[in-house]
Amino acid sequence: MSSRQVEVDGRRLSLSNLGKNLYPEFTKGEVIDYYARIAPVMLPHLKDRPATRIRWPEGVDGGKFYEKNAPSHTPGWVRTARVPTPGSTSGRETADFVVVDDLPTLVWCANLAALELHVPQWKVGPRGGLHAPDLVVFDLDPGPPATVVEACEVAALLRDVLAEDGFGSYPKTSGKKGLHLYVPIKEPTDAARTSQYAKAAAQRLASEHPDLVVAKMDKRLRKGKIFVDWSQNNPAKTTVAAYSLRAASRPSVSAPITWDELESCEDAADLVFSPDDVIERVDKHGDLLKPLLDGRRRALP
C-alpha cells in the first residue's frame, strides 16, 4: 500500500492509495483534492455538526458502510462529540461522532474514502451539549417518471408558502435526483417543533397540489409526484451536507443553486454538477448558502 506523508495546517497525515479509483474515472487523490479545494465554503456548513460518514473503501462499485462512531485509529486532534443513538443497530446508546471543524479533519475523512458526509439540522456546543435545530430542511424527492424539473416547480411553491411566514429559503441539489430546501430559524425551545412545522407545510402543499405533491411516506403514492420529505427534521436524522460528493457512476456534488437556475430548469441534466463545476461556481458566486450562516433568524410561528 503506497502512502504519502503530508502536513495540513500543522497536522501530519498519511495519505494512502492516491491513485486508486473510487469512481470509474476519479481517483482517491482527486477526491481529497476536491475536498481540500472546496473546504473554505464547505467547512462552515459542517462546523459543530456531528457527521455521519458514508465510506466506500473499494470505490463506488464496491460495498459501502455508514460510520457514526469515530474509529479506534482516530487522531487525538480530531474533534468528537458523544451523541445519544437510541435504537442503534450496534446496540450502543451513544456514539462518539466526528465533528468536521477544520481542513485536516476533512482531508482525514476523505483519505478514509468517506465520499459522503451527512449532518443533522442541529449543532453541539463547545462542551458537548446538544442544541435545538437552527435549520429546517425539506427533501424534495421525485417519484419516476417525475424528475428534478418537477421538483423545481414544487420548490418554488414551497418557497412561497415559507415566505408567508416571513422565511427566506435556500435551495441545493441533492447531488442525485432531487432537491433540498433550507430555512434558517431561531432555535426553538422544543426540538420537535421543526418537524411539526415542516410537516404542516408539506401537507398544505399536498392538499393544494394533489396531482404534483405527496407528503406521506408510502412509496406507492409517489409515482409521477414529488415527495416533500419533512422527516429529516427529526433530530435523529441527517441530510447530505452542502458541497458533499455523492456516490454514483460519476462524481456529482450536492450543490447550492440560485432561484433563477431552479426556475429556468428544463432538463434534469441542467442541475447536475461535477466537482470541477462546483469549484468554478464557487469562484463565480461564492457560497450561495451563506445566508444559512448569518445571525438573522426568525422564530417559527
Protein backbone atom coordinates (compact mmCIF):
# COMPACT_ATOMS: atom_id res chain seq x y z
CA MET A 1 0.00 0.00 0.00
CA SER A 2 1.60 3.24 -1.14
CA SER A 3 1.33 6.20 1.23
CA ARG A 4 2.41 9.80 1.30
CA GLN A 5 3.13 11.94 4.34
CA VAL A 6 1.71 15.46 4.17
CA GLU A 7 1.22 18.36 6.55
CA VAL A 8 -2.18 20.06 6.55
CA ASP A 9 -2.49 23.18 8.69
CA GLY A 10 0.14 21.86 11.06
CA ARG A 11 -1.26 18.31 11.28
CA ARG A 12 0.69 15.32 9.92
CA LEU A 13 -1.39 12.99 7.77
CA SER A 14 -0.54 9.78 5.95
CA LEU A 15 -2.47 9.63 2.67
CA SER A 16 -2.74 6.21 1.04
CA ASN A 17 -3.63 4.73 -2.35
CA LEU A 18 -3.99 8.13 -4.02
CA GLY A 19 -4.12 6.58 -7.49
CA LYS A 20 -6.94 4.18 -6.61
CA ASN A 21 -10.19 4.76 -8.50
CA LEU A 22 -13.03 5.48 -6.09
CA TYR A 23 -15.21 6.29 -9.13
CA PRO A 24 -14.63 4.67 -12.52
CA GLU A 25 -12.63 7.71 -13.71
CA PHE A 26 -11.96 9.66 -10.50
CA THR A 27 -9.21 8.70 -8.08
CA LYS A 28 -8.90 8.93 -4.33
CA GLY A 29 -6.30 11.64 -4.84
CA GLU A 30 -8.85 13.64 -6.84
CA VAL A 31 -11.46 13.13 -4.10
CA ILE A 32 -9.03 14.50 -1.49
CA ASP A 33 -8.06 17.38 -3.79
CA TYR A 34 -11.72 18.32 -4.31
CA TYR A 35 -12.44 18.38 -0.58
CA ALA A 36 -9.30 20.42 0.11
CA ARG A 37 -10.28 22.98 -2.54
CA ILE A 38 -13.95 23.24 -1.52
CA ALA A 39 -13.14 23.37 2.20
CA PRO A 40 -13.37 27.19 2.60
CA VAL A 41 -17.09 27.14 1.76
CA MET A 42 -17.92 23.63 2.96
CA LEU A 43 -16.44 23.71 6.46
CA PRO A 44 -18.78 26.43 7.82
CA HIS A 45 -21.73 24.14 6.98
CA LEU A 46 -20.09 21.19 8.77
CA LYS A 47 -18.88 23.13 11.81
CA ASP A 48 -20.31 21.91 15.14
CA ARG A 49 -22.50 19.28 13.41
CA PRO A 50 -21.80 15.60 14.19
CA ALA A 51 -21.03 13.91 10.88
CA THR A 52 -22.22 10.54 9.67
CA ARG A 53 -19.60 9.38 7.18
CA ILE A 54 -20.54 7.02 4.38
CA ARG A 55 -17.42 5.18 3.29
CA TRP A 56 -16.65 3.25 0.09
CA PRO A 57 -13.20 1.72 0.74
CA GLU A 58 -13.26 -0.14 -2.58
CA GLY A 59 -14.92 2.67 -4.52
CA VAL A 60 -18.50 3.23 -5.64
CA ASP A 61 -18.63 -0.20 -7.32
CA GLY A 62 -17.75 -1.89 -4.04
CA GLY A 63 -19.57 -2.04 -0.71
CA LYS A 64 -20.31 0.94 1.50
CA PHE A 65 -20.84 1.34 5.21
CA TYR A 66 -22.22 4.08 7.44
CA GLU A 67 -19.84 5.20 10.16
CA LYS A 68 -21.10 7.22 13.09
CA ASN A 69 -18.64 6.27 15.81
CA ALA A 70 -15.10 7.57 15.42
CA PRO A 71 -12.84 4.59 14.60
CA SER A 72 -10.19 3.44 17.08
CA HIS A 73 -7.38 4.93 14.97
CA THR A 74 -8.87 8.44 15.02
CA PRO A 75 -6.11 11.01 15.68
CA GLY A 76 -6.30 12.76 19.02
CA TRP A 77 -6.67 16.15 17.32
CA VAL A 78 -9.96 15.19 15.62
CA ARG A 79 -12.91 16.68 17.50
CA THR A 80 -15.57 14.21 18.57
CA ALA A 81 -18.93 14.63 20.26
CA ARG A 82 -20.82 11.99 22.23
CA VAL A 83 -24.39 11.85 20.94
CA PRO A 84 -27.30 9.60 22.01
CA THR A 85 -28.15 6.94 19.41
CA PRO A 86 -31.37 5.31 20.63
CA GLY A 87 -32.37 2.28 18.63
CA SER A 88 -28.90 1.93 17.13
CA THR A 89 -28.26 -1.35 15.30
CA SER A 90 -24.95 -1.54 17.16
CA GLY A 91 -26.81 -1.75 20.46
CA ARG A 92 -24.95 1.25 21.82
CA GLU A 93 -26.88 4.09 23.42
CA THR A 94 -24.31 6.71 22.38
CA ALA A 95 -21.71 7.20 19.67
CA ASP A 96 -18.65 9.42 19.51
CA PHE A 97 -19.27 11.27 16.25
CA VAL A 98 -16.54 13.05 14.32
CA VAL A 99 -17.16 16.80 14.04
CA VAL A 100 -15.54 18.13 10.86
CA ASP A 101 -14.48 21.59 12.01
CA ASP A 102 -11.23 22.02 10.11
CA LEU A 103 -9.31 21.15 6.97
CA PRO A 104 -7.13 18.39 8.48
CA THR A 105 -10.24 16.53 9.67
CA LEU A 106 -11.91 16.91 6.26
CA VAL A 107 -8.81 15.57 4.49
CA TRP A 108 -8.55 12.73 7.04
CA CYS A 109 -12.18 11.74 6.29
CA ALA A 110 -11.57 11.86 2.54
CA ASN A 111 -8.50 9.66 2.95
CA LEU A 112 -10.76 7.07 4.62
CA ALA A 113 -12.91 7.08 1.43
CA ALA A 114 -15.75 8.89 3.21
CA LEU A 115 -17.17 10.11 -0.07
CA GLU A 116 -20.36 11.42 1.54
CA LEU A 117 -20.76 13.48 4.71
CA HIS A 118 -24.23 13.78 6.25
CA VAL A 119 -25.11 16.14 9.11
CA PRO A 120 -28.15 16.95 11.26
CA GLN A 121 -30.01 20.28 11.44
CA TRP A 122 -28.61 20.97 14.93
CA LYS A 123 -25.22 21.61 16.49
CA VAL A 124 -23.19 20.58 19.51
CA GLY A 125 -21.80 23.22 21.81
CA PRO A 126 -18.16 23.64 22.84
CA ARG A 127 -18.69 21.48 25.95
CA GLY A 128 -20.65 18.82 24.07
CA GLY A 129 -24.19 19.98 24.80
CA LEU A 130 -26.78 19.28 22.09
CA HIS A 131 -28.52 22.38 20.78
CA ALA A 132 -32.01 22.58 19.31
CA PRO A 133 -32.19 22.76 15.49
CA ASP A 134 -31.22 26.02 13.78
CA LEU A 135 -32.33 24.84 10.33
CA VAL A 136 -35.49 23.42 8.79
CA VAL A 137 -34.89 21.22 5.74
CA PHE A 138 -37.22 19.85 3.07
CA ASP A 139 -36.09 16.96 0.85
CA LEU A 140 -37.92 17.06 -2.49
CA ASP A 141 -37.76 13.56 -3.92
CA PRO A 142 -39.18 12.85 -7.42
CA GLY A 143 -41.14 9.66 -7.98
CA PRO A 144 -40.48 8.49 -11.56
CA PRO A 145 -41.36 9.50 -14.19
CA ALA A 146 -41.15 12.87 -12.40
CA THR A 147 -37.65 14.38 -12.28
CA VAL A 148 -35.88 17.30 -10.70
CA VAL A 149 -37.75 19.52 -13.18
CA GLU A 150 -40.99 18.90 -11.28
CA ALA A 151 -39.09 19.15 -8.00
CA CYS A 152 -38.09 22.68 -9.03
CA GLU A 153 -41.75 23.55 -9.55
CA VAL A 154 -42.59 22.27 -6.07
CA ALA A 155 -39.61 24.10 -4.55
CA ALA A 156 -40.94 27.40 -5.91
CA LEU A 157 -44.38 26.66 -4.44
CA LEU A 158 -42.79 25.77 -1.10
CA ARG A 159 -40.72 28.97 -1.16
CA ASP A 160 -43.91 30.99 -1.44
CA VAL A 161 -45.54 29.14 1.47
CA LEU A 162 -42.49 29.77 3.65
CA ALA A 163 -42.38 33.42 2.61
CA GLU A 164 -45.89 33.88 4.01
CA ASP A 165 -44.35 33.23 7.43
CA GLY A 166 -41.50 35.64 6.71
CA PHE A 167 -38.87 32.99 6.00
CA GLY A 168 -36.24 33.02 3.30
CA SER A 169 -35.36 29.63 1.81
CA TYR A 170 -32.27 28.44 0.02
CA PRO A 171 -32.01 25.50 -2.43
CA LYS A 172 -29.32 22.99 -3.27
CA THR A 173 -29.33 19.87 -5.37
CA SER A 174 -29.23 16.55 -3.56
CA GLY A 175 -26.45 15.52 -5.91
CA LYS A 176 -28.68 12.72 -7.13
CA LYS A 177 -32.24 13.18 -8.41
CA GLY A 178 -33.82 15.66 -6.00
CA LEU A 179 -33.53 18.99 -4.22
CA HIS A 180 -33.09 20.22 -0.67
CA LEU A 181 -34.58 23.46 0.61
CA TYR A 182 -33.17 25.03 3.79
CA VAL A 183 -34.69 27.61 6.13
CA PRO A 184 -32.57 29.24 8.86
CA ILE A 185 -34.52 29.65 12.12
CA LYS A 186 -34.03 30.69 15.72
CA GLU A 187 -33.54 27.62 17.88
CA PRO A 188 -36.96 26.63 19.29
CA THR A 189 -37.37 25.54 22.88
CA ASP A 190 -38.80 22.21 21.66
CA ALA A 191 -36.70 20.34 19.09
CA ALA A 192 -39.83 18.60 17.77
CA ARG A 193 -41.22 21.96 16.66
CA THR A 194 -39.21 21.97 13.43
CA SER A 195 -40.64 18.62 12.34
CA GLN A 196 -44.16 19.83 13.16
CA TYR A 197 -43.69 22.99 11.12
CA ALA A 198 -42.15 21.18 8.14
CA LYS A 199 -44.86 18.51 8.17
CA ALA A 200 -47.62 21.14 8.17
CA ALA A 201 -46.04 22.96 5.21
CA ALA A 202 -45.66 19.69 3.26
CA GLN A 203 -49.24 18.66 4.00
CA ARG A 204 -50.52 22.05 2.88
CA LEU A 205 -48.74 21.72 -0.47
CA ALA A 206 -50.06 18.17 -0.91
CA SER A 207 -53.63 19.32 -0.28
CA GLU A 208 -53.35 22.33 -2.60
CA HIS A 209 -51.48 20.46 -5.40
CA PRO A 210 -52.55 16.80 -5.11
CA ASP A 211 -51.53 15.96 -8.69
CA LEU A 212 -47.98 17.14 -8.07
CA VAL A 213 -47.14 16.75 -4.38
CA VAL A 214 -47.32 13.96 -1.81
CA ALA A 215 -46.44 14.36 1.87
CA LYS A 216 -46.90 10.76 3.03
CA MET A 217 -44.10 8.22 3.32
CA ASP A 218 -45.94 5.50 1.36
CA LYS A 219 -43.85 4.90 -1.79
CA ARG A 220 -46.91 3.64 -3.66
CA LEU A 221 -48.26 7.20 -3.66
CA ARG A 222 -45.20 8.80 -5.22
CA LYS A 223 -45.39 7.78 -8.89
CA GLY A 224 -45.07 10.89 -11.04
CA LYS A 225 -45.16 13.17 -7.99
CA ILE A 226 -42.73 14.97 -5.70
CA PHE A 227 -42.50 13.64 -2.18
CA VAL A 228 -41.88 16.57 0.17
CA ASP A 229 -39.99 14.72 2.87
CA TRP A 230 -40.22 16.69 6.11
CA SER A 231 -38.94 13.82 8.28
CA GLN A 232 -35.26 14.76 8.03
CA ASN A 233 -36.01 17.37 10.69
CA ASN A 234 -36.18 14.53 13.20
CA PRO A 235 -33.11 15.14 15.41
CA ALA A 236 -32.01 11.53 14.84
CA LYS A 237 -31.81 12.03 11.05
CA THR A 238 -29.26 13.66 8.79
CA THR A 239 -29.09 15.24 5.34
CA VAL A 240 -26.14 15.17 2.94
CA ALA A 241 -24.00 18.23 3.60
CA ALA A 242 -23.69 21.10 1.16
CA TYR A 243 -20.78 20.50 -1.26
CA SER A 244 -20.52 16.80 -0.36
CA LEU A 245 -19.71 14.36 -3.12
CA ARG A 246 -22.32 11.70 -3.88
CA ALA A 247 -21.59 8.12 -4.80
CA ALA A 248 -22.69 7.32 -8.36
CA SER A 249 -21.13 6.14 -11.61
CA ARG A 250 -19.66 9.63 -12.00
CA PRO A 251 -18.81 12.03 -9.16
CA SER A 252 -21.56 14.56 -8.58
CA VAL A 253 -21.97 17.14 -5.84
CA SER A 254 -24.82 18.34 -3.62
CA ALA A 255 -24.53 21.89 -4.93
CA PRO A 256 -26.19 25.15 -3.89
CA ILE A 257 -28.12 26.76 -6.73
CA THR A 258 -29.81 30.08 -7.38
CA TRP A 259 -33.56 30.56 -7.62
CA ASP A 260 -33.06 31.73 -11.22
CA GLU A 261 -31.36 28.42 -12.06
CA LEU A 262 -34.11 26.50 -10.32
CA GLU A 263 -36.92 28.33 -12.10
CA SER A 264 -35.30 28.00 -15.53
CA CYS A 265 -34.56 24.26 -15.22
CA GLU A 266 -35.96 22.43 -18.25
CA ASP A 267 -33.99 19.19 -18.09
CA ALA A 268 -32.63 17.11 -15.23
CA ALA A 269 -29.12 17.47 -16.67
CA ASP A 270 -29.31 21.23 -16.07
CA LEU A 271 -28.79 20.66 -12.35
CA VAL A 272 -26.06 18.02 -12.37
CA PHE A 273 -22.72 19.40 -11.21
CA SER A 274 -19.30 17.74 -11.20
CA PRO A 275 -16.60 18.62 -8.67
CA ASP A 276 -14.90 20.92 -11.21
CA ASP A 277 -18.24 22.58 -11.98
CA VAL A 278 -18.76 23.33 -8.30
CA ILE A 279 -15.27 24.78 -7.82
CA GLU A 280 -15.94 27.09 -10.78
CA ARG A 281 -19.36 28.03 -9.39
CA VAL A 282 -17.88 28.97 -6.03
CA ASP A 283 -15.27 31.10 -7.78
CA LYS A 284 -18.12 32.88 -9.58
CA HIS A 285 -20.89 33.04 -6.94
CA GLY A 286 -19.17 32.41 -3.62
CA ASP A 287 -21.21 30.36 -1.17
CA LEU A 288 -24.87 30.56 -2.23
CA LEU A 289 -25.87 29.11 1.16
CA LYS A 290 -24.06 31.79 3.16
CA PRO A 291 -27.42 33.16 4.44
CA LEU A 292 -27.72 29.93 6.47
CA LEU A 293 -24.67 31.02 8.45
CA ASP A 294 -25.52 34.58 9.41
CA GLY A 295 -27.25 35.64 12.60
CA ARG A 296 -30.50 36.97 11.15
CA ARG A 297 -33.09 34.34 12.06
CA ARG A 298 -36.80 34.27 12.74
CA ALA A 299 -38.61 32.09 15.23
CA LEU A 300 -41.09 29.51 13.98
CA PRO A 301 -44.71 30.72 14.24
